Structures are given as C-alpha cells and as structure tokens.
Amino acid sequence: MIKTIIFDLGGVYFTEGTRRATKAISAEFNVPEKKVCQFISKSKEATDYRIGKITADEFWSRAKIFWNIKAKNSELEKAWHDCYMPIK
C-alpha cells in the first residue's frame, strides 16, 4: 500500500520562484531584498513552514513582524505564489 507521495515542485514542475518572490515582495512592500531573502529562505520560520511545523498564517504573521510592515497575510502569500510559473 502506498502511504506517502512526495513531489519536488520547485525547479522541477515550477520555475524557481523564490528569487522572483524576493524581488516582488521587496518592491511591493518596501523591504530590502536582503531582509526578505533572510526571512523566506534562511530563517527557522521558513524551515518550519516548509516542513509543516507552522501554518501559512503563522509564517506570514512572523514575516510581517520581521519586516516591520502592515499587510494582509493573503497579500504576501499571493505575491510569493504569483512568482512561480509551471515549466513547459
């Protein structure tokens, strides 16, 4: 019986959108790219989010504190997800 199916989406099915998302979030919310990258790529929260230890809402709420911005979690999540495009 199959119990687990694992997908590698980033760079396989989707383009590597994290770099584009870093630039998009930086521009849209006026946060330095380095600070955006530091949180979404290198923080404990980023790891916890990717492995399911925290929810998307927790991740984005903590990001807003780290970046010192006021935005809706849904706006940040959309900015990130919009940067991933399927590889044809």
PDB file of N, CA and C in Angstrom:
ATOM      1  N   MET A   1       0.828  -1.166   0.000  1.00  0.00           N
ATOM      2  CA  MET A   1       0.000   0.000   0.000  1.00  0.00           C
ATOM      3  C   MET A   1       0.886   1.248   0.000  1.00  0.00           C
ATOM      4  N   ILE A   2       0.557   2.208  -0.871  1.00  0.00           N
ATOM      5  CA  ILE A   2       1.295   3.471  -0.922  1.00  0.00           C
ATOM      6  C   ILE A   2       0.843   4.323   0.260  1.00  0.00           C
ATOM      7  N   LYS A   3       1.807   4.786   1.043  1.00  0.00           N
ATOM      8  CA  LYS A   3       1.482   5.606   2.214  1.00  0.00           C
ATOM      9  C   LYS A   3       1.882   7.060   2.032  1.00  0.00           C
ATOM     10  N   THR A   4       2.863   7.300   1.184  1.00  0.00           N
ATOM     11  CA  THR A   4       3.367   8.661   1.016  1.00  0.00           C
ATOM     12  C   THR A   4       3.715   8.912  -0.443  1.00  0.00           C
ATOM     13  N   ILE A   5       3.351  10.077  -0.901  1.00  0.00           N
ATOM     14  CA  ILE A   5       3.771  10.532  -2.227  1.00  0.00           C
ATOM     15  C   ILE A   5       4.486  11.855  -2.015  1.00  0.00           C
ATOM     16  N   ILE A   6       5.689  11.970  -2.554  1.00  0.00           N
ATOM     17  CA  ILE A   6       6.495  13.175  -2.375  1.00  0.00           C
ATOM     18  C   ILE A   6       6.712  13.816  -3.737  1.00  0.00           C
ATOM     19  N   PHE A   7       6.497  15.121  -3.799  1.00  0.00           N
ATOM     20  CA  PHE A   7       6.705  15.872  -5.024  1.00  0.00           C
ATOM     21  C   PHE A   7       7.806  16.891  -4.819  1.00  0.00           C
ATOM     22  N   ASP A   8       8.655  17.039  -5.798  1.00  0.00           N
ATOM     23  CA  ASP A   8       9.639  18.117  -5.815  1.00  0.00           C
ATOM     24  C   ASP A   8       9.148  19.109  -6.847  1.00  0.00           C
ATOM     25  N   LEU A   9       8.535  20.190  -6.400  1.00  0.00           N
ATOM     26  CA  LEU A   9       7.921  21.133  -7.321  1.00  0.00           C
ATOM     27  C   LEU A   9       8.871  22.238  -7.752  1.00  0.00           C
ATOM     28  N   GLY A  10       9.627  22.792  -6.819  1.00  0.00           N
ATOM     29  CA  GLY A  10      10.500  23.929  -7.117  1.00  0.00           C
ATOM     30  C   GLY A  10      11.651  23.551  -8.030  1.00  0.00           C
ATOM     31  N   GLY A  11      11.663  24.140  -9.225  1.00  0.00           N
ATOM     32  CA  GLY A  11      12.730  23.859 -10.178  1.00  0.00           C
ATOM     33  C   GLY A  11      12.485  22.604 -10.998  1.00  0.00           C
ATOM     34  N   VAL A  12      11.425  21.857 -10.677  1.00  0.00           N
ATOM     35  CA  VAL A  12      11.094  20.652 -11.424  1.00  0.00           C
ATOM     36  C   VAL A  12       9.791  20.888 -12.190  1.00  0.00           C
ATOM     37  N   TYR A  13       8.714  21.110 -11.467  1.00  0.00           N
ATOM     38  CA  TYR A  13       7.440  21.430 -12.113  1.00  0.00           C
ATOM     39  C   TYR A  13       7.275  22.939 -12.270  1.00  0.00           C
ATOM     40  N   PHE A  14       7.690  23.671 -11.240  1.00  0.00           N
ATOM     41  CA  PHE A  14       7.613  25.128 -11.274  1.00  0.00           C
ATOM     42  C   PHE A  14       9.003  25.724 -11.417  1.00  0.00           C
ATOM     43  N   THR A  15       9.048  26.931 -11.992  1.00  0.00           N
ATOM     44  CA  THR A  15      10.302  27.666 -12.030  1.00  0.00           C
ATOM     45  C   THR A  15      10.726  27.974 -10.598  1.00  0.00           C
ATOM     46  N   GLU A  16      11.963  28.313 -10.412  1.00  0.00           N
ATOM     47  CA  GLU A  16      12.489  28.693  -9.094  1.00  0.00           C
ATOM     48  C   GLU A  16      11.950  30.094  -8.793  1.00  0.00           C
ATOM     49  N   GLY A  17      10.836  30.159  -8.110  1.00  0.00           N
ATOM     50  CA  GLY A  17      10.165  31.434  -7.889  1.00  0.00           C
ATOM     51  C   GLY A  17      10.623  32.213  -6.685  1.00  0.00           C
ATOM     52  N   THR A  18      11.411  31.615  -5.803  1.00  0.00           N
ATOM     53  CA  THR A  18      11.802  32.310  -4.578  1.00  0.00           C
ATOM     54  C   THR A  18      12.593  33.572  -4.879  1.00  0.00           C
ATOM     55  N   ARG A  19      13.479  33.517  -5.843  1.00  0.00           N
ATOM     56  CA  ARG A  19      14.253  34.715  -6.201  1.00  0.00           C
ATOM     57  C   ARG A  19      13.344  35.831  -6.705  1.00  0.00           C
ATOM     58  N   ARG A  20      12.414  35.441  -7.579  1.00  0.00           N
ATOM     59  CA  ARG A  20      11.461  36.438  -8.097  1.00  0.00           C
ATOM     60  C   ARG A  20      10.553  36.946  -6.987  1.00  0.00           C
ATOM     61  N   ALA A  21      10.142  36.061  -6.095  1.00  0.00           N
ATOM     62  CA  ALA A  21       9.274  36.464  -4.980  1.00  0.00           C
ATOM     63  C   ALA A  21       9.990  37.440  -4.065  1.00  0.00           C
ATOM     64  N   THR A  22      11.278  37.213  -3.841  1.00  0.00           N
ATOM     65  CA  THR A  22      12.072  38.127  -3.013  1.00  0.00           C
ATOM     66  C   THR A  22      12.037  39.528  -3.600  1.00  0.00           C
ATOM     67  N   LYS A  23      12.254  39.620  -4.894  1.00  0.00           N
ATOM     68  CA  LYS A  23      12.236  40.927  -5.571  1.00  0.00           C
ATOM     69  C   LYS A  23      10.840  41.549  -5.540  1.00  0.00           C
ATOM     70  N   ALA A  24       9.821  40.740  -5.782  1.00  0.00           N
ATOM     71  CA  ALA A  24       8.444  41.247  -5.822  1.00  0.00           C
ATOM     72  C   ALA A  24       7.996  41.756  -4.454  1.00  0.00           C
ATOM     73  N   ILE A  25       8.258  40.984  -3.412  1.00  0.00           N
ATOM     74  CA  ILE A  25       7.869  41.389  -2.056  1.00  0.00           C
ATOM     75  C   ILE A  25       8.646  42.631  -1.646  1.00  0.00           C
ATOM     76  N   SER A  26       9.927  42.659  -1.973  1.00  0.00           N
ATOM     77  CA  SER A  26      10.761  43.816  -1.663  1.00  0.00           C
ATOM     78  C   SER A  26      10.183  45.078  -2.300  1.00  0.00           C
ATOM     79  N   ALA A  27       9.857  44.999  -3.569  1.00  0.00           N
ATOM     80  CA  ALA A  27       9.341  46.164  -4.291  1.00  0.00           C
ATOM     81  C   ALA A  27       7.952  46.568  -3.804  1.00  0.00           C
ATOM     82  N   GLU A  28       7.081  45.602  -3.634  1.00  0.00           N
ATOM     83  CA  GLU A  28       5.684  45.907  -3.287  1.00  0.00           C
ATOM     84  C   GLU A  28       5.521  46.420  -1.860  1.00  0.00           C
ATOM     85  N   PHE A  29       6.339  45.907  -0.940  1.00  0.00           N
ATOM     86  CA  PHE A  29       6.163  46.252   0.466  1.00  0.00           C
ATOM     87  C   PHE A  29       7.311  47.087   1.033  1.00  0.00           C
ATOM     88  N   ASN A  30       8.204  47.536   0.145  1.00  0.00           N
ATOM     89  CA  ASN A  30       9.303  48.428   0.523  1.00  0.00           C
ATOM     90  C   ASN A  30      10.180  47.849   1.651  1.00  0.00           C
ATOM     91  N   VAL A  31      10.620  46.616   1.429  1.00  0.00           N
ATOM     92  CA  VAL A  31      11.514  45.925   2.368  1.00  0.00           C
ATOM     93  C   VAL A  31      12.783  45.596   1.586  1.00  0.00           C
ATOM     94  N   PRO A  32      13.965  45.837   2.141  1.00  0.00           N
ATOM     95  CA  PRO A  32      15.188  45.491   1.413  1.00  0.00           C
ATOM     96  C   PRO A  32      15.213  44.008   1.006  1.00  0.00           C
ATOM     97  N   GLU A  33      15.651  43.756  -0.230  1.00  0.00           N
ATOM     98  CA  GLU A  33      15.696  42.378  -0.737  1.00  0.00           C
ATOM     99  C   GLU A  33      16.441  41.434   0.202  1.00  0.00           C
ATOM    100  N   LYS A  34      17.535  41.904   0.744  1.00  0.00           N
ATOM    101  CA  LYS A  34      18.336  41.057   1.634  1.00  0.00           C
ATOM    102  C   LYS A  34      17.514  40.615   2.850  1.00  0.00           C
ATOM    103  N   LYS A  35      16.701  41.529   3.362  1.00  0.00           N
ATOM    104  CA  LYS A  35      15.885  41.209   4.537  1.00  0.00           C
ATOM    105  C   LYS A  35      14.745  40.250   4.164  1.00  0.00           C
ATOM    106  N   VAL A  36      14.176  40.418   2.980  1.00  0.00           N
ATOM    107  CA  VAL A  36      13.140  39.489   2.511  1.00  0.00           C
ATOM    108  C   VAL A  36      13.744  38.103   2.361  1.00  0.00           C
ATOM    109  N   CYS A  37      14.871  38.025   1.691  1.00  0.00           N
ATOM    110  CA  CYS A  37      15.557  36.750   1.466  1.00  0.00           C
ATOM    111  C   CYS A  37      15.932  36.080   2.779  1.00  0.00           C
ATOM    112  N   GLN A  38      16.428  36.872   3.713  1.00  0.00           N
ATOM    113  CA  GLN A  38      16.842  36.337   5.009  1.00  0.00           C
ATOM    114  C   GLN A  38      15.683  35.600   5.674  1.00  0.00           C
ATOM    115  N   PHE A  39      14.477  36.156   5.575  1.00  0.00           N
ATOM    116  CA  PHE A  39      13.344  35.515   6.247  1.00  0.00           C
ATOM    117  C   PHE A  39      12.779  34.348   5.438  1.00  0.00           C
ATOM    118  N   ILE A  40      12.509  34.554   4.147  1.00  0.00           N
ATOM    119  CA  ILE A  40      11.813  33.496   3.410  1.00  0.00           C
ATOM    120  C   ILE A  40      12.724  32.339   2.998  1.00  0.00           C
ATOM    121  N   SER A  41      14.024  32.538   3.071  1.00  0.00           N
ATOM    122  CA  SER A  41      14.931  31.464   2.665  1.00  0.00           C
ATOM    123  C   SER A  41      15.775  30.885   3.795  1.00  0.00           C
ATOM    124  N   LYS A  42      16.104  31.703   4.777  1.00  0.00           N
ATOM    125  CA  LYS A  42      17.124  31.271   5.730  1.00  0.00           C
ATOM    126  C   LYS A  42      16.675  31.229   7.189  1.00  0.00           C
ATOM    127  N   SER A  43      15.446  31.598   7.463  1.00  0.00           N
ATOM    128  CA  SER A  43      15.002  31.657   8.857  1.00  0.00           C
ATOM    129  C   SER A  43      14.493  30.299   9.349  1.00  0.00           C
ATOM    130  N   LYS A  44      14.435  30.156  10.659  1.00  0.00           N
ATOM    131  CA  LYS A  44      13.846  28.967  11.266  1.00  0.00           C
ATOM    132  C   LYS A  44      12.381  28.862  10.863  1.00  0.00           C
ATOM    133  N   GLU A  45      11.708  30.007  10.779  1.00  0.00           N
ATOM    134  CA  GLU A  45      10.304  30.018  10.374  1.00  0.00           C
ATOM    135  C   GLU A  45      10.123  29.460   8.962  1.00  0.00           C
ATOM    136  N   ALA A  46      11.044  29.784   8.070  1.00  0.00           N
ATOM    137  CA  ALA A  46      10.962  29.274   6.696  1.00  0.00           C
ATOM    138  C   ALA A  46      11.057  27.749   6.694  1.00  0.00           C
ATOM    139  N   THR A  47      11.982  27.225   7.456  1.00  0.00           N
ATOM    140  CA  THR A  47      12.125  25.773   7.555  1.00  0.00           C
ATOM    141  C   THR A  47      10.883  25.161   8.181  1.00  0.00           C
ATOM    142  N   ASP A  48      10.431  25.744   9.281  1.00  0.00           N
ATOM    143  CA  ASP A  48       9.247  25.219   9.970  1.00  0.00           C
ATOM    144  C   ASP A  48       8.018  25.230   9.064  1.00  0.00           C
ATOM    145  N   TYR A  49       7.876  26.283   8.267  1.00  0.00           N
ATOM    146  CA  TYR A  49       6.743  26.378   7.339  1.00  0.00           C
ATOM    147  C   TYR A  49       6.835  25.306   6.259  1.00  0.00           C
ATOM    148  N   ARG A  50       7.998  25.132   5.706  1.00  0.00           N
ATOM    149  CA  ARG A  50       8.165  24.161   4.612  1.00  0.00           C
ATOM    150  C   ARG A  50       7.957  22.720   5.057  1.00  0.00           C
ATOM    151  N   ILE A  51       8.226  22.424   6.320  1.00  0.00           N
ATOM    152  CA  ILE A  51       8.035  21.046   6.788  1.00  0.00           C
ATOM    153  C   ILE A  51       6.725  20.869   7.557  1.00  0.00           C
ATOM    154  N   GLY A  52       5.907  21.922   7.590  1.00  0.00           N
ATOM    155  CA  GLY A  52       4.585  21.811   8.185  1.00  0.00           C
ATOM    156  C   GLY A  52       4.489  22.003   9.680  1.00  0.00           C
ATOM    157  N   LYS A  53       5.543  22.540  10.293  1.00  0.00           N
ATOM    158  CA  LYS A  53       5.504  22.787  11.741  1.00  0.00           C
ATOM    159  C   LYS A  53       4.698  24.033  12.100  1.00  0.00           C
ATOM    160  N   ILE A  54       4.608  24.984  11.174  1.00  0.00           N
ATOM    161  CA  ILE A  54       3.780  26.170  11.380  1.00  0.00           C
ATOM    162  C   ILE A  54       2.902  26.368  10.142  1.00  0.00           C
ATOM    163  N   THR A  55       1.791  27.055  10.343  1.00  0.00           N
ATOM    164  CA  THR A  55       0.861  27.309   9.241  1.00  0.00           C
ATOM    165  C   THR A  55       1.336  28.495   8.406  1.00  0.00           C
ATOM    166  N   ALA A  56       0.700  28.651   7.255  1.00  0.00           N
ATOM    167  CA  ALA A  56       0.997  29.806   6.400  1.00  0.00           C
ATOM    168  C   ALA A  56       0.699  31.098   7.149  1.00  0.00           C
ATOM    169  N   ASP A  57      -0.409  31.147   7.867  1.00  0.00           N
ATOM    170  CA  ASP A  57      -0.740  32.364   8.619  1.00  0.00           C
ATOM    171  C   ASP A  57       0.322  32.687   9.665  1.00  0.00           C
ATOM    172  N   GLU A  58       0.817  31.675  10.356  1.00  0.00           N
ATOM    173  CA  GLU A  58       1.887  31.908  11.340  1.00  0.00           C
ATOM    174  C   GLU A  58       3.148  32.423  10.646  1.00  0.00           C
ATOM    175  N   PHE A  59       3.489  31.805   9.524  1.00  0.00           N
ATOM    176  CA  PHE A  59       4.682  32.211   8.782  1.00  0.00           C
ATOM    177  C   PHE A  59       4.584  33.673   8.360  1.00  0.00           C
ATOM    178  N   TRP A  60       3.478  34.046   7.718  1.00  0.00           N
ATOM    179  CA  TRP A  60       3.345  35.414   7.224  1.00  0.00           C
ATOM    180  C   TRP A  60       3.198  36.418   8.361  1.00  0.00           C
ATOM    181  N   SER A  61       2.560  36.037   9.438  1.00  0.00           N
ATOM    182  CA  SER A  61       2.456  36.936  10.598  1.00  0.00           C
ATOM    183  C   SER A  61       3.842  37.239  11.169  1.00  0.00           C
ATOM    184  N   ARG A  62       4.675  36.226  11.244  1.00  0.00           N
ATOM    185  CA  ARG A  62       6.042  36.426  11.743  1.00  0.00           C
ATOM    186  C   ARG A  62       6.883  37.221  10.749  1.00  0.00           C
ATOM    187  N   ALA A  63       6.645  36.995   9.454  1.00  0.00           N
ATOM    188  CA  ALA A  63       7.362  37.758   8.422  1.00  0.00           C
ATOM    189  C   ALA A  63       7.051  39.241   8.565  1.00  0.00           C
ATOM    190  N   LYS A  64       5.783  39.567   8.767  1.00  0.00           N
ATOM    191  CA  LYS A  64       5.397  40.975   8.902  1.00  0.00           C
ATOM    192  C   LYS A  64       6.079  41.631  10.096  1.00  0.00           C
ATOM    193  N   ILE A  65       6.227  40.901  11.169  1.00  0.00           N
ATOM    194  CA  ILE A  65       6.941  41.435  12.342  1.00  0.00           C
ATOM    195  C   ILE A  65       8.406  41.642  11.992  1.00  0.00           C
ATOM    196  N   PHE A  66       9.029  40.648  11.361  1.00  0.00           N
ATOM    197  CA  PHE A  66      10.443  40.723  10.991  1.00  0.00           C
ATOM    198  C   PHE A  66      10.711  41.884  10.044  1.00  0.00           C
ATOM    199  N   TRP A  67       9.791  42.080   9.081  1.00  0.00           N
ATOM    200  CA  TRP A  67       9.951  43.138   8.083  1.00  0.00           C
ATOM    201  C   TRP A  67       9.379  44.475   8.532  1.00  0.00           C
ATOM    202  N   ASN A  68       8.669  44.461   9.671  1.00  0.00           N
ATOM    203  CA  ASN A  68       8.042  45.675  10.204  1.00  0.00           C
ATOM    204  C   ASN A  68       7.116  46.334   9.168  1.00  0.00           C
ATOM    205  N   ILE A  69       6.177  45.524   8.673  1.00  0.00           N
ATOM    206  CA  ILE A  69       5.220  46.036   7.683  1.00  0.00           C
ATOM    207  C   ILE A  69       3.800  45.704   8.123  1.00  0.00           C
ATOM    208  N   LYS A  70       2.868  46.421   7.559  1.00  0.00           N
ATOM    209  CA  LYS A  70       1.449  46.132   7.741  1.00  0.00           C
ATOM    210  C   LYS A  70       0.916  45.683   6.384  1.00  0.00           C
ATOM    211  N   ALA A  71       0.476  44.461   6.323  1.00  0.00           N
ATOM    212  CA  ALA A  71      -0.086  43.895   5.090  1.00  0.00           C
ATOM    213  C   ALA A  71      -0.953  42.717   5.502  1.00  0.00           C
ATOM    214  N   LYS A  72      -1.813  42.318   4.604  1.00  0.00           N
ATOM    215  CA  LYS A  72      -2.598  41.116   4.863  1.00  0.00           C
ATOM    216  C   LYS A  72      -1.738  39.899   4.532  1.00  0.00           C
ATOM    217  N   ASN A  73      -1.898  38.863   5.332  1.00  0.00           N
ATOM    218  CA  ASN A  73      -1.163  37.626   5.053  1.00  0.00           C
ATOM    219  C   ASN A  73      -1.461  37.146   3.641  1.00  0.00           C
ATOM    220  N   SER A  74      -2.698  37.274   3.224  1.00  0.00           N
ATOM    221  CA  SER A  74      -3.085  36.814   1.884  1.00  0.00           C
ATOM    222  C   SER A  74      -2.367  37.590   0.780  1.00  0.00           C
ATOM    223  N   GLU A  75      -2.075  38.872   1.015  1.00  0.00           N
ATOM    224  CA  GLU A  75      -1.338  39.667   0.019  1.00  0.00           C
ATOM    225  C   GLU A  75       0.097  39.163  -0.128  1.00  0.00           C
ATOM    226  N   LEU A  76       0.721  38.864   0.996  1.00  0.00           N
ATOM    227  CA  LEU A  76       2.099  38.358   0.958  1.00  0.00           C
ATOM    228  C   LEU A  76       2.155  36.980   0.304  1.00  0.00           C
ATOM    229  N   GLU A  77       1.229  36.137   0.679  1.00  0.00           N
ATOM    230  CA  GLU A  77       1.199  34.789   0.110  1.00  0.00           C
ATOM    231  C   GLU A  77       0.961  34.849  -1.404  1.00  0.00           C
ATOM    232  N   LYS A  78       0.056  35.707  -1.840  1.00  0.00           N
ATOM    233  CA  LYS A  78      -0.224  35.859  -3.272  1.00  0.00           C
ATOM    234  C   LYS A  78       1.010  36.376  -4.005  1.00  0.00           C
ATOM    235  N   ALA A  79       1.699  37.361  -3.416  1.00  0.00           N
ATOM    236  CA  ALA A  79       2.914  37.898  -4.038  1.00  0.00           C
ATOM    237  C   ALA A  79       3.945  36.788  -4.238  1.00  0.00           C
ATOM    238  N   TRP A  80       4.071  35.901  -3.255  1.00  0.00           N
ATOM    239  CA  TRP A  80       5.015  34.796  -3.356  1.00  0.00           C
ATOM    240  C   TRP A  80       4.553  33.784  -4.412  1.00  0.00           C
ATOM    241  N   HIS A  81       3.325  33.328  -4.307  1.00  0.00           N
ATOM    242  CA  HIS A  81       2.832  32.285  -5.208  1.00  0.00           C
ATOM    243  C   HIS A  81       2.768  32.740  -6.660  1.00  0.00           C
ATOM    244  N   ASP A  82       2.504  34.014  -6.879  1.00  0.00           N
ATOM    245  CA  ASP A  82       2.428  34.532  -8.253  1.00  0.00           C
ATOM    246  C   ASP A  82       3.767  34.482  -8.981  1.00  0.00           C
ATOM    247  N   CYS A  83       4.849  34.293  -8.249  1.00  0.00           N
ATOM    248  CA  CYS A  83       6.180  34.275  -8.860  1.00  0.00           C
ATOM    249  C   CYS A  83       6.586  32.884  -9.353  1.00  0.00           C
ATOM    250  N   TYR A  84       5.788  31.881  -9.069  1.00  0.00           N
ATOM    251  CA  TYR A  84       6.069  30.517  -9.530  1.00  0.00           C
ATOM    252  C   TYR A  84       5.268  30.249 -10.793  1.00  0.00           C
ATOM    253  N   MET A  85       5.957  29.828 -11.845  1.00  0.00           N
ATOM    254  CA  MET A  85       5.315  29.534 -13.120  1.00  0.00           C
ATOM    255  C   MET A  85       5.624  28.085 -13.512  1.00  0.00           C
ATOM    256  N   PRO A  86       4.629  27.384 -14.048  1.00  0.00           N
ATOM    257  CA  PRO A  86       4.901  25.995 -14.493  1.00  0.00           C
ATOM    258  C   PRO A  86       5.964  25.987 -15.600  1.00  0.00           C
ATOM    259  N   ILE A  87       6.832  25.005 -15.558  1.00  0.00           N
ATOM    260  CA  ILE A  87       7.830  24.812 -16.605  1.00  0.00           C
ATOM    261  C   ILE A  87       7.154  24.018 -17.714  1.00  0.00           C
ATOM    262  N   LYS A  88       7.217  24.545 -18.913  1.00  0.00           N
ATOM    263  CA  LYS A  88       6.538  23.862 -20.038  1.00  0.00           C
ATOM    264  C   LYS A  88       7.331  22.690 -20.545  1.00  0.00           C
TER     265      LYS A  88
END
